[in-house]
Structures are given as structure tokens and as C-alpha cells.
PDB file of N, CA and C in Angstrom:
ATOM      1  N   UNK A   1      69.110 -32.575  70.080  1.00  0.00           N
ATOM      2  CA  UNK A   1      68.240 -33.646  69.639  1.00  0.00           C
ATOM      3  C   UNK A   1      67.089 -33.758  70.627  1.00  0.00           C
ATOM      4  N   UNK A   2      65.857 -33.727  70.151  1.00  0.00           N
ATOM      5  CA  UNK A   2      64.690 -33.895  71.012  1.00  0.00           C
ATOM      6  C   UNK A   2      64.272 -35.352  71.089  1.00  0.00           C
ATOM      7  N   UNK A   3      63.310 -35.629  71.925  1.00  0.00           N
ATOM      8  CA  UNK A   3      62.779 -36.986  72.074  1.00  0.00           C
ATOM      9  C   UNK A   3      61.269 -36.958  71.935  1.00  0.00           C
ATOM     10  N   UNK A   4      60.711 -37.934  71.276  1.00  0.00           N
ATOM     11  CA  UNK A   4      59.281 -38.173  71.268  1.00  0.00           C
ATOM     12  C   UNK A   4      59.120 -39.438  72.100  1.00  0.00           C
ATOM     13  N   UNK A   5      58.458 -39.339  73.234  1.00  0.00           N
ATOM     14  CA  UNK A   5      58.311 -40.478  74.140  1.00  0.00           C
ATOM     15  C   UNK A   5      56.908 -41.022  73.957  1.00  0.00           C
ATOM     16  N   UNK A   6      56.792 -42.299  73.593  1.00  0.00           N
ATOM     17  CA  UNK A   6      55.538 -42.854  73.117  1.00  0.00           C
ATOM     18  C   UNK A   6      55.105 -44.077  73.906  1.00  0.00           C
ATOM     19  N   UNK A   7      53.856 -44.098  74.349  1.00  0.00           N
ATOM     20  CA  UNK A   7      53.244 -45.277  74.931  1.00  0.00           C
ATOM     21  C   UNK A   7      53.695 -45.612  76.341  1.00  0.00           C
ATOM     22  N   UNK A   8      53.044 -46.630  76.912  1.00  0.00           N
ATOM     23  CA  UNK A   8      53.329 -47.060  78.276  1.00  0.00           C
ATOM     24  C   UNK A   8      54.721 -47.687  78.364  1.00  0.00           C
ATOM     25  N   UNK A   9      55.094 -48.473  77.381  1.00  0.00           N
ATOM     26  CA  UNK A   9      56.452 -49.002  77.294  1.00  0.00           C
ATOM     27  C   UNK A   9      57.261 -47.895  76.647  1.00  0.00           C
ATOM     28  N   UNK A  10      57.950 -47.150  77.447  1.00  0.00           N
ATOM     29  CA  UNK A  10      58.569 -45.915  76.975  1.00  0.00           C
ATOM     30  C   UNK A  10      59.520 -46.198  75.820  1.00  0.00           C
ATOM     31  N   UNK A  11      59.163 -45.652  74.670  1.00  0.00           N
ATOM     32  CA  UNK A  11      60.011 -45.687  73.490  1.00  0.00           C
ATOM     33  C   UNK A  11      60.436 -44.257  73.215  1.00  0.00           C
ATOM     34  N   UNK A  12      61.721 -44.009  73.216  1.00  0.00           N
ATOM     35  CA  UNK A  12      62.215 -42.671  72.943  1.00  0.00           C
ATOM     36  C   UNK A  12      62.770 -42.630  71.535  1.00  0.00           C
ATOM     37  N   UNK A  13      62.264 -41.689  70.772  1.00  0.00           N
ATOM     38  CA  UNK A  13      62.654 -41.542  69.385  1.00  0.00           C
ATOM     39  C   UNK A  13      63.393 -40.215  69.263  1.00  0.00           C
ATOM     40  N   UNK A  14      64.666 -40.247  68.924  1.00  0.00           N
ATOM     41  CA  UNK A  14      65.436 -39.010  68.803  1.00  0.00           C
ATOM     42  C   UNK A  14      65.060 -38.290  67.514  1.00  0.00           C
ATOM     43  N   UNK A  15      64.633 -37.035  67.677  1.00  0.00           N
ATOM     44  CA  UNK A  15      64.252 -36.196  66.546  1.00  0.00           C
ATOM     45  C   UNK A  15      64.774 -34.794  66.838  1.00  0.00           C
ATOM     46  N   UNK A  16      65.394 -34.175  65.863  1.00  0.00           N
ATOM     47  CA  UNK A  16      65.915 -32.822  66.017  1.00  0.00           C
ATOM     48  C   UNK A  16      64.771 -31.895  66.424  1.00  0.00           C
ATOM     49  N   UNK A  17      65.045 -30.932  67.330  1.00  0.00           N
ATOM     50  CA  UNK A  17      64.008 -30.071  67.904  1.00  0.00           C
ATOM     51  C   UNK A  17      63.129 -29.388  66.857  1.00  0.00           C
ATOM     52  N   UNK A  18      63.719 -28.853  65.804  1.00  0.00           N
ATOM     53  CA  UNK A  18      62.938 -28.135  64.784  1.00  0.00           C
ATOM     54  C   UNK A  18      61.958 -29.086  64.085  1.00  0.00           C
ATOM     55  N   UNK A  19      62.438 -30.257  63.722  1.00  0.00           N
ATOM     56  CA  UNK A  19      61.568 -31.255  63.093  1.00  0.00           C
ATOM     57  C   UNK A  19      60.494 -31.702  64.072  1.00  0.00           C
ATOM     58  N   UNK A  20      60.877 -31.934  65.322  1.00  0.00           N
ATOM     59  CA  UNK A  20      59.927 -32.376  66.342  1.00  0.00           C
ATOM     60  C   UNK A  20      58.812 -31.355  66.533  1.00  0.00           C
ATOM     61  N   UNK A  21      59.140 -30.068  66.520  1.00  0.00           N
ATOM     62  CA  UNK A  21      58.125 -29.021  66.687  1.00  0.00           C
ATOM     63  C   UNK A  21      57.101 -29.070  65.558  1.00  0.00           C
ATOM     64  N   UNK A  22      57.557 -29.321  64.340  1.00  0.00           N
ATOM     65  CA  UNK A  22      56.636 -29.409  63.202  1.00  0.00           C
ATOM     66  C   UNK A  22      55.796 -30.684  63.281  1.00  0.00           C
ATOM     67  N   UNK A  23      56.418 -31.784  63.677  1.00  0.00           N
ATOM     68  CA  UNK A  23      55.659 -33.028  63.849  1.00  0.00           C
ATOM     69  C   UNK A  23      54.610 -32.859  64.943  1.00  0.00           C
ATOM     70  N   UNK A  24      54.945 -32.143  66.013  1.00  0.00           N
ATOM     71  CA  UNK A  24      54.002 -31.919  67.103  1.00  0.00           C
ATOM     72  C   UNK A  24      52.743 -31.206  66.602  1.00  0.00           C
ATOM     73  N   UNK A  25      52.910 -30.194  65.762  1.00  0.00           N
ATOM     74  CA  UNK A  25      51.760 -29.457  65.236  1.00  0.00           C
ATOM     75  C   UNK A  25      50.873 -30.384  64.402  1.00  0.00           C
ATOM     76  N   UNK A  26      51.483 -31.176  63.530  1.00  0.00           N
ATOM     77  CA  UNK A  26      50.723 -32.096  62.673  1.00  0.00           C
ATOM     78  C   UNK A  26      50.038 -33.172  63.506  1.00  0.00           C
ATOM     79  N   UNK A  27      50.766 -33.781  64.427  1.00  0.00           N
ATOM     80  CA  UNK A  27      50.206 -34.843  65.268  1.00  0.00           C
ATOM     81  C   UNK A  27      49.064 -34.299  66.115  1.00  0.00           C
ATOM     82  N   UNK A  28      49.250 -33.125  66.704  1.00  0.00           N
ATOM     83  CA  UNK A  28      48.189 -32.535  67.529  1.00  0.00           C
ATOM     84  C   UNK A  28      46.942 -32.256  66.695  1.00  0.00           C
ATOM     85  N   UNK A  29      47.113 -31.766  65.477  1.00  0.00           N
ATOM     86  CA  UNK A  29      45.954 -31.498  64.606  1.00  0.00           C
ATOM     87  C   UNK A  29      45.196 -32.784  64.298  1.00  0.00           C
ATOM     88  N   UNK A  30      45.930 -33.850  63.982  1.00  0.00           N
ATOM     89  CA  UNK A  30      45.278 -35.136  63.678  1.00  0.00           C
ATOM     90  C   UNK A  30      44.554 -35.683  64.909  1.00  0.00           C
ATOM     91  N   UNK A  31      45.197 -35.634  66.071  1.00  0.00           N
ATOM     92  CA  UNK A  31      44.592 -36.191  67.278  1.00  0.00           C
ATOM     93  C   UNK A  31      43.399 -35.364  67.756  1.00  0.00           C
ATOM     94  N   UNK A  32      43.441 -34.038  67.536  1.00  0.00           N
ATOM     95  CA  UNK A  32      42.277 -33.205  67.894  1.00  0.00           C
ATOM     96  C   UNK A  32      41.040 -33.632  67.111  1.00  0.00           C
ATOM     97  N   UNK A  33      41.264 -34.123  65.894  1.00  0.00           N
ATOM     98  CA  UNK A  33      40.149 -34.596  65.054  1.00  0.00           C
ATOM     99  C   UNK A  33      39.861 -36.077  65.298  1.00  0.00           C
ATOM    100  N   UNK A  34      40.526 -36.622  66.323  1.00  0.00           N
ATOM    101  CA  UNK A  34      40.350 -38.028  66.689  1.00  0.00           C
ATOM    102  C   UNK A  34      40.770 -38.970  65.557  1.00  0.00           C
ATOM    103  N   UNK A  35      41.755 -38.558  64.767  1.00  0.00           N
ATOM    104  CA  UNK A  35      42.258 -39.370  63.662  1.00  0.00           C
ATOM    105  C   UNK A  35      43.474 -40.158  64.126  1.00  0.00           C
ATOM    106  N   UNK A  36      43.510 -41.424  63.768  1.00  0.00           N
ATOM    107  CA  UNK A  36      44.639 -42.287  64.075  1.00  0.00           C
ATOM    108  C   UNK A  36      45.443 -42.478  62.791  1.00  0.00           C
ATOM    109  N   UNK A  37      46.747 -42.679  62.938  1.00  0.00           N
ATOM    110  CA  UNK A  37      47.597 -42.803  61.752  1.00  0.00           C
ATOM    111  C   UNK A  37      48.921 -43.443  62.145  1.00  0.00           C
ATOM    112  N   UNK A  38      49.711 -43.798  61.154  1.00  0.00           N
ATOM    113  CA  UNK A  38      51.039 -44.362  61.393  1.00  0.00           C
ATOM    114  C   UNK A  38      52.087 -43.263  61.266  1.00  0.00           C
ATOM    115  N   UNK A  39      53.146 -43.400  62.045  1.00  0.00           N
ATOM    116  CA  UNK A  39      54.312 -42.528  61.965  1.00  0.00           C
ATOM    117  C   UNK A  39      55.512 -43.427  61.708  1.00  0.00           C
ATOM    118  N   UNK A  40      56.224 -43.155  60.627  1.00  0.00           N
ATOM    119  CA  UNK A  40      57.390 -43.959  60.239  1.00  0.00           C
ATOM    120  C   UNK A  40      58.617 -43.065  60.160  1.00  0.00           C
ATOM    121  N   UNK A  41      59.737 -43.556  60.655  1.00  0.00           N
ATOM    122  CA  UNK A  41      60.984 -42.809  60.569  1.00  0.00           C
ATOM    123  C   UNK A  41      62.111 -43.776  60.278  1.00  0.00           C
ATOM    124  N   UNK A  42      63.197 -43.234  59.725  1.00  0.00           N
ATOM    125  CA  UNK A  42      64.384 -44.032  59.422  1.00  0.00           C
ATOM    126  C   UNK A  42      65.379 -43.905  60.560  1.00  0.00           C
ATOM    127  N   UNK A  43      66.084 -44.996  60.836  1.00  0.00           N
ATOM    128  CA  UNK A  43      67.130 -45.000  61.847  1.00  0.00           C
ATOM    129  C   UNK A  43      68.429 -44.538  61.194  1.00  0.00           C
ATOM    130  N   UNK A  44      69.223 -43.804  61.919  1.00  0.00           N
ATOM    131  CA  UNK A  44      70.533 -43.407  61.422  1.00  0.00           C
ATOM    132  C   UNK A  44      71.484 -44.587  61.425  1.00  0.00           C
ATOM    133  N   UNK A  45      72.599 -44.417  60.746  1.00  0.00           N
ATOM    134  CA  UNK A  45      73.612 -45.474  60.680  1.00  0.00           C
ATOM    135  C   UNK A  45      74.107 -45.853  62.080  1.00  0.00           C
ATOM    136  N   UNK A  46      74.133 -44.859  63.000  1.00  0.00           N
ATOM    137  CA  UNK A  46      74.602 -45.143  64.362  1.00  0.00           C
ATOM    138  C   UNK A  46      73.673 -46.095  65.102  1.00  0.00           C
ATOM    139  N   UNK A  47      72.452 -46.275  64.588  1.00  0.00           N
ATOM    140  CA  UNK A  47      71.486 -47.201  65.192  1.00  0.00           C
ATOM    141  C   UNK A  47      71.240 -48.416  64.293  1.00  0.00           C
ATOM    142  N   UNK A  48      72.136 -48.654  63.361  1.00  0.00           N
ATOM    143  CA  UNK A  48      72.028 -49.828  62.513  1.00  0.00           C
ATOM    144  C   UNK A  48      71.150 -49.641  61.292  1.00  0.00           C
ATOM    145  N   UNK A  49      70.826 -48.410  60.957  1.00  0.00           N
ATOM    146  CA  UNK A  49      69.946 -48.030  59.847  1.00  0.00           C
ATOM    147  C   UNK A  49      68.578 -48.717  59.974  1.00  0.00           C
ATOM    148  N   UNK A  50      67.834 -48.841  58.913  1.00  0.00           N
ATOM    149  CA  UNK A  50      66.491 -49.414  58.963  1.00  0.00           C
ATOM    150  C   UNK A  50      65.442 -48.357  59.246  1.00  0.00           C
ATOM    151  N   UNK A  51      64.247 -48.792  59.631  1.00  0.00           N
ATOM    152  CA  UNK A  51      63.161 -47.865  59.930  1.00  0.00           C
ATOM    153  C   UNK A  51      62.229 -48.471  60.952  1.00  0.00           C
ATOM    154  N   UNK A  52      61.411 -47.628  61.563  1.00  0.00           N
ATOM    155  CA  UNK A  52      60.400 -48.057  62.531  1.00  0.00           C
ATOM    156  C   UNK A  52      59.089 -47.380  62.214  1.00  0.00           C
ATOM    157  N   UNK A  53      57.982 -48.016  62.609  1.00  0.00           N
ATOM    158  CA  UNK A  53      56.650 -47.454  62.448  1.00  0.00           C
ATOM    159  C   UNK A  53      55.883 -47.674  63.735  1.00  0.00           C
ATOM    160  N   UNK A  54      55.161 -46.626  64.177  1.00  0.00           N
ATOM    161  CA  UNK A  54      54.274 -46.745  65.335  1.00  0.00           C
ATOM    162  C   UNK A  54      52.878 -46.295  64.929  1.00  0.00           C
ATOM    163  N   UNK A  55      51.879 -46.763  65.639  1.00  0.00           N
ATOM    164  CA  UNK A  55      50.495 -46.362  65.461  1.00  0.00           C
ATOM    165  C   UNK A  55      50.221 -45.225  66.435  1.00  0.00           C
ATOM    166  N   UNK A  56      49.810 -44.075  65.928  1.00  0.00           N
ATOM    167  CA  UNK A  56      49.529 -42.909  66.758  1.00  0.00           C
ATOM    168  C   UNK A  56      48.023 -42.818  66.937  1.00  0.00           C
ATOM    169  N   UNK A  57      47.591 -42.809  68.191  1.00  0.00           N
ATOM    170  CA  UNK A  57      46.182 -42.825  68.540  1.00  0.00           C
ATOM    171  C   UNK A  57      45.948 -41.904  69.727  1.00  0.00           C
ATOM    172  N   UNK A  58      44.757 -41.301  69.835  1.00  0.00           N
ATOM    173  CA  UNK A  58      44.468 -40.466  70.995  1.00  0.00           C
ATOM    174  C   UNK A  58      44.445 -41.261  72.301  1.00  0.00           C
ATOM    175  N   UNK A  59      44.452 -42.579  72.227  1.00  0.00           N
ATOM    176  CA  UNK A  59      44.358 -43.429  73.409  1.00  0.00           C
ATOM    177  C   UNK A  59      45.716 -43.872  73.935  1.00  0.00           C
ATOM    178  N   UNK A  60      46.778 -43.448  73.266  1.00  0.00           N
ATOM    179  CA  UNK A  60      48.127 -43.844  73.664  1.00  0.00           C
ATOM    180  C   UNK A  60      48.870 -42.588  74.132  1.00  0.00           C
ATOM    181  N   UNK A  61      49.463 -42.611  75.334  1.00  0.00           N
ATOM    182  CA  UNK A  61      50.172 -41.426  75.834  1.00  0.00           C
ATOM    183  C   UNK A  61      51.288 -40.988  74.881  1.00  0.00           C
ATOM    184  N   UNK A  62      51.454 -39.689  74.766  1.00  0.00           N
ATOM    185  CA  UNK A  62      52.453 -39.110  73.871  1.00  0.00           C
ATOM    186  C   UNK A  62      53.071 -37.911  74.573  1.00  0.00           C
ATOM    187  N   UNK A  63      54.370 -37.785  74.523  1.00  0.00           N
ATOM    188  CA  UNK A  63      55.093 -36.727  75.243  1.00  0.00           C
ATOM    189  C   UNK A  63      56.159 -36.170  74.312  1.00  0.00           C
ATOM    190  N   UNK A  64      56.142 -34.871  74.099  1.00  0.00           N
ATOM    191  CA  UNK A  64      57.164 -34.204  73.294  1.00  0.00           C
ATOM    192  C   UNK A  64      58.149 -33.535  74.247  1.00  0.00           C
ATOM    193  N   UNK A  65      59.415 -33.859  74.131  1.00  0.00           N
ATOM    194  CA  UNK A  65      60.438 -33.308  75.023  1.00  0.00           C
ATOM    195  C   UNK A  65      61.533 -32.671  74.166  1.00  0.00           C
ATOM    196  N   UNK A  66      61.821 -31.398  74.449  1.00  0.00           N
ATOM    197  CA  UNK A  66      62.794 -30.641  73.667  1.00  0.00           C
ATOM    198  C   UNK A  66      64.042 -30.354  74.483  1.00  0.00           C
ATOM    199  N   UNK A  67      65.183 -30.286  73.802  1.00  0.00           N
ATOM    200  CA  UNK A  67      66.420 -29.874  74.459  1.00  0.00           C
ATOM    201  C   UNK A  67      66.493 -28.364  74.570  1.00  0.00           C
ATOM    202  N   UNK A  68      66.044 -27.658  73.544  1.00  0.00           N
ATOM    203  CA  UNK A  68      66.105 -26.206  73.531  1.00  0.00           C
ATOM    204  C   UNK A  68      64.962 -25.581  74.317  1.00  0.00           C
ATOM    205  N   UNK A  69      65.190 -24.354  74.802  1.00  0.00           N
ATOM    206  CA  UNK A  69      64.162 -23.641  75.566  1.00  0.00           C
ATOM    207  C   UNK A  69      63.224 -22.858  74.667  1.00  0.00           C
ATOM    208  N   UNK A  70      63.711 -22.366  73.550  1.00  0.00           N
ATOM    209  CA  UNK A  70      62.910 -21.529  72.667  1.00  0.00           C
ATOM    210  C   UNK A  70      62.264 -22.351  71.570  1.00  0.00           C
ATOM    211  N   UNK A  71      60.944 -22.166  71.370  1.00  0.00           N
ATOM    212  CA  UNK A  71      60.300 -22.893  70.269  1.00  0.00           C
ATOM    213  C   UNK A  71      60.754 -22.329  68.921  1.00  0.00           C
ATOM    214  N   UNK A  72      60.991 -23.207  67.948  1.00  0.00           N
ATOM    215  CA  UNK A  72      61.413 -22.724  66.634  1.00  0.00           C
ATOM    216  C   UNK A  72      60.256 -22.052  65.887  1.00  0.00           C
ATOM    217  N   UNK A  73      60.593 -21.204  64.947  1.00  0.00           N
ATOM    218  CA  UNK A  73      59.587 -20.587  64.079  1.00  0.00           C
ATOM    219  C   UNK A  73      59.015 -21.693  63.183  1.00  0.00           C
ATOM    220  N   UNK A  74      57.700 -21.721  63.076  1.00  0.00           N
ATOM    221  CA  UNK A  74      57.023 -22.776  62.307  1.00  0.00           C
ATOM    222  C   UNK A  74      56.950 -22.391  60.829  1.00  0.00           C
ATOM    223  N   UNK A  75      57.298 -23.326  59.983  1.00  0.00           N
ATOM    224  CA  UNK A  75      57.281 -23.158  58.530  1.00  0.00           C
ATOM    225  C   UNK A  75      55.975 -23.757  58.000  1.00  0.00           C
ATOM    226  N   UNK A  76      55.050 -22.918  57.565  1.00  0.00           N
ATOM    227  CA  UNK A  76      53.731 -23.382  57.100  1.00  0.00           C
ATOM    228  C   UNK A  76      53.830 -24.318  55.897  1.00  0.00           C
ATOM    229  N   UNK A  77      54.751 -24.034  54.994  1.00  0.00           N
ATOM    230  CA  UNK A  77      54.906 -24.894  53.813  1.00  0.00           C
ATOM    231  C   UNK A  77      55.323 -26.303  54.228  1.00  0.00           C
ATOM    232  N   UNK A  78      56.203 -26.394  55.197  1.00  0.00           N
ATOM    233  CA  UNK A  78      56.645 -27.698  55.694  1.00  0.00           C
ATOM    234  C   UNK A  78      55.483 -28.414  56.373  1.00  0.00           C
ATOM    235  N   UNK A  79      54.692 -27.673  57.160  1.00  0.00           N
ATOM    236  CA  UNK A  79      53.517 -28.266  57.813  1.00  0.00           C
ATOM    237  C   UNK A  79      52.564 -28.868  56.788  1.00  0.00           C
ATOM    238  N   UNK A  80      52.338 -28.154  55.700  1.00  0.00           N
ATOM    239  CA  UNK A  80      51.419 -28.647  54.665  1.00  0.00           C
ATOM    240  C   UNK A  80      51.901 -29.961  54.069  1.00  0.00           C
ATOM    241  N   UNK A  81      53.207 -30.042  53.789  1.00  0.00           N
ATOM    242  CA  UNK A  81      53.765 -31.279  53.224  1.00  0.00           C
ATOM    243  C   UNK A  81      53.663 -32.419  54.233  1.00  0.00           C
ATOM    244  N   UNK A  82      53.960 -32.129  55.499  1.00  0.00           N
ATOM    245  CA  UNK A  82      53.870 -33.158  56.536  1.00  0.00           C
ATOM    246  C   UNK A  82      52.419 -33.615  56.735  1.00  0.00           C
ATOM    247  N   UNK A  83      51.473 -32.675  56.698  1.00  0.00           N
ATOM    248  CA  UNK A  83      50.059 -33.029  56.866  1.00  0.00           C
ATOM    249  C   UNK A  83      49.578 -33.895  55.705  1.00  0.00           C
ATOM    250  N   UNK A  84      50.007 -33.569  54.493  1.00  0.00           N
ATOM    251  CA  UNK A  84      49.657 -34.410  53.342  1.00  0.00           C
ATOM    252  C   UNK A  84      50.166 -35.831  53.551  1.00  0.00           C
ATOM    253  N   UNK A  85      51.399 -35.942  54.045  1.00  0.00           N
ATOM    254  CA  UNK A  85      51.980 -37.252  54.326  1.00  0.00           C
ATOM    255  C   UNK A  85      51.149 -38.000  55.368  1.00  0.00           C
ATOM    256  N   UNK A  86      50.746 -37.305  56.428  1.00  0.00           N
ATOM    257  CA  UNK A  86      49.966 -37.932  57.501  1.00  0.00           C
ATOM    258  C   UNK A  86      48.616 -38.430  57.006  1.00  0.00           C
ATOM    259  N   UNK A  87      48.088 -37.804  55.961  1.00  0.00           N
ATOM    260  CA  UNK A  87      46.789 -38.198  55.421  1.00  0.00           C
ATOM    261  C   UNK A  87      46.876 -39.324  54.396  1.00  0.00           C
ATOM    262  N   UNK A  88      48.062 -39.719  54.012  1.00  0.00           N
ATOM    263  CA  UNK A  88      48.267 -40.818  53.073  1.00  0.00           C
ATOM    264  C   UNK A  88      48.139 -42.159  53.799  1.00  0.00           C
ATOM    265  N   UNK A  89      47.804 -43.232  53.082  1.00  0.00           N
ATOM    266  CA  UNK A  89      47.689 -44.551  53.728  1.00  0.00           C
ATOM    267  C   UNK A  89      48.968 -45.001  54.451  1.00  0.00           C
ATOM    268  N   UNK A  90      50.129 -44.622  53.941  1.00  0.00           N
ATOM    269  CA  UNK A  90      51.386 -45.030  54.573  1.00  0.00           C
ATOM    270  C   UNK A  90      51.689 -44.210  55.824  1.00  0.00           C
ATOM    271  N   UNK A  91      51.001 -43.104  56.032  1.00  0.00           N
ATOM    272  CA  UNK A  91      51.161 -42.324  57.247  1.00  0.00           C
ATOM    273  C   UNK A  91      52.226 -41.258  57.172  1.00  0.00           C
ATOM    274  N   UNK A  92      52.471 -40.645  58.319  1.00  0.00           N
ATOM    275  CA  UNK A  92      53.385 -39.516  58.455  1.00  0.00           C
ATOM    276  C   UNK A  92      54.830 -39.979  58.402  1.00  0.00           C
ATOM    277  N   UNK A  93      55.614 -39.294  57.582  1.00  0.00           N
ATOM    278  CA  UNK A  93      57.047 -39.558  57.457  1.00  0.00           C
ATOM    279  C   UNK A  93      57.781 -38.241  57.658  1.00  0.00           C
ATOM    280  N   UNK A  94      58.652 -38.133  58.663  1.00  0.00           N
ATOM    281  CA  UNK A  94      59.438 -36.903  58.794  1.00  0.00           C
ATOM    282  C   UNK A  94      60.292 -36.722  57.543  1.00  0.00           C
ATOM    283  N   UNK A  95      60.177 -35.574  56.925  1.00  0.00           N
ATOM    284  CA  UNK A  95      60.963 -35.278  55.727  1.00  0.00           C
ATOM    285  C   UNK A  95      61.750 -34.005  55.997  1.00  0.00           C
ATOM    286  N   UNK A  96      62.846 -33.793  55.257  1.00  0.00           N
ATOM    287  CA  UNK A  96      63.616 -32.561  55.449  1.00  0.00           C
ATOM    288  C   UNK A  96      62.774 -31.328  55.111  1.00  0.00           C
ATOM    289  N   UNK A  97      63.097 -30.246  55.764  1.00  0.00           N
ATOM    290  CA  UNK A  97      62.409 -28.977  55.513  1.00  0.00           C
ATOM    291  C   UNK A  97      62.702 -28.515  54.091  1.00  0.00           C
ATOM    292  N   UNK A  98      61.637 -28.138  53.362  1.00  0.00           N
ATOM    293  CA  UNK A  98      61.871 -27.621  52.006  1.00  0.00           C
ATOM    294  C   UNK A  98      62.682 -26.323  52.066  1.00  0.00           C
ATOM    295  N   UNK A  99      63.667 -26.195  51.209  1.00  0.00           N
ATOM    296  CA  UNK A  99      64.511 -24.994  51.191  1.00  0.00           C
ATOM    297  C   UNK A  99      63.759 -23.806  50.628  1.00  0.00           C
ATOM    298  N   UNK A 100      64.022 -22.637  51.184  1.00  0.00           N
ATOM    299  CA  UNK A 100      63.448 -21.405  50.683  1.00  0.00           C
ATOM    300  C   UNK A 100      61.968 -21.229  50.975  1.00  0.00           C
ATOM    301  N   UNK A 101      61.421 -21.970  51.985  1.00  0.00           N
ATOM    302  CA  UNK A 101      59.991 -21.877  52.258  1.00  0.00           C
ATOM    303  C   UNK A 101      59.665 -21.284  53.618  1.00  0.00           C
ATOM    304  N   UNK A 102      60.692 -20.893  54.389  1.00  0.00           N
ATOM    305  CA  UNK A 102      60.437 -20.350  55.723  1.00  0.00           C
ATOM    306  C   UNK A 102      59.645 -19.061  55.602  1.00  0.00           C
ATOM    307  N   UNK A 103      58.524 -18.995  56.348  1.00  0.00           N
ATOM    308  CA  UNK A 103      57.647 -17.823  56.272  1.00  0.00           C
ATOM    309  C   UNK A 103      57.599 -17.119  57.598  1.00  0.00           C
TER     310      UNK A 103
END
């Protein structure tokens, strides 16, 4: 399980390494264009379920931390779906990797 560490008040969000790597690519692309957006994720049952949303901005520190040493192979189809989500008014939502799309 990886962590996305966000802002001065350290908030650690547990995200599986493969998903985190794809989110990193999308988030970096948006921030390079100086675009701000919301990121929403659901909490697992072990955390009482529910969901959280944060505002992602180039002005707020962001740190991607992985448990694994090797970066996963990036799935372009998954990136496209995640980028579409990030461009919607509701913002980026981590979604499961589409099956049969690994390139």
C-alpha cells in the first residue's frame, strides 16, 4: 500500500502502488498546466467507509511515497479514463483499472 502525503498538515492517504503511480501521472500533468482540481476517494470499511475530497493545487506540497522499489508499467487506457475524470467538475476519482487494457 502506498501513501499520498498532502499539505502542511500531513494527511496520508493509503493507495495501492499501481493505482498511485497512475494518479501521479495524471496529477503531475494537471499541475504542470497549473490546473487545480479536486481529488475524491472512498474509505474502506476498516476506516469506517465514507469518502474524502481534497483540493489539489500547485501551491500545496504533495509527496508520492511507494512501498515497492520498481515502478509499475503504465496503462495508457487507464490514464485516459483518469484524466477524463480529473477534467470533470467533480474532479479526479481513483477507479479500478479497466480489464484487458494493459499496453
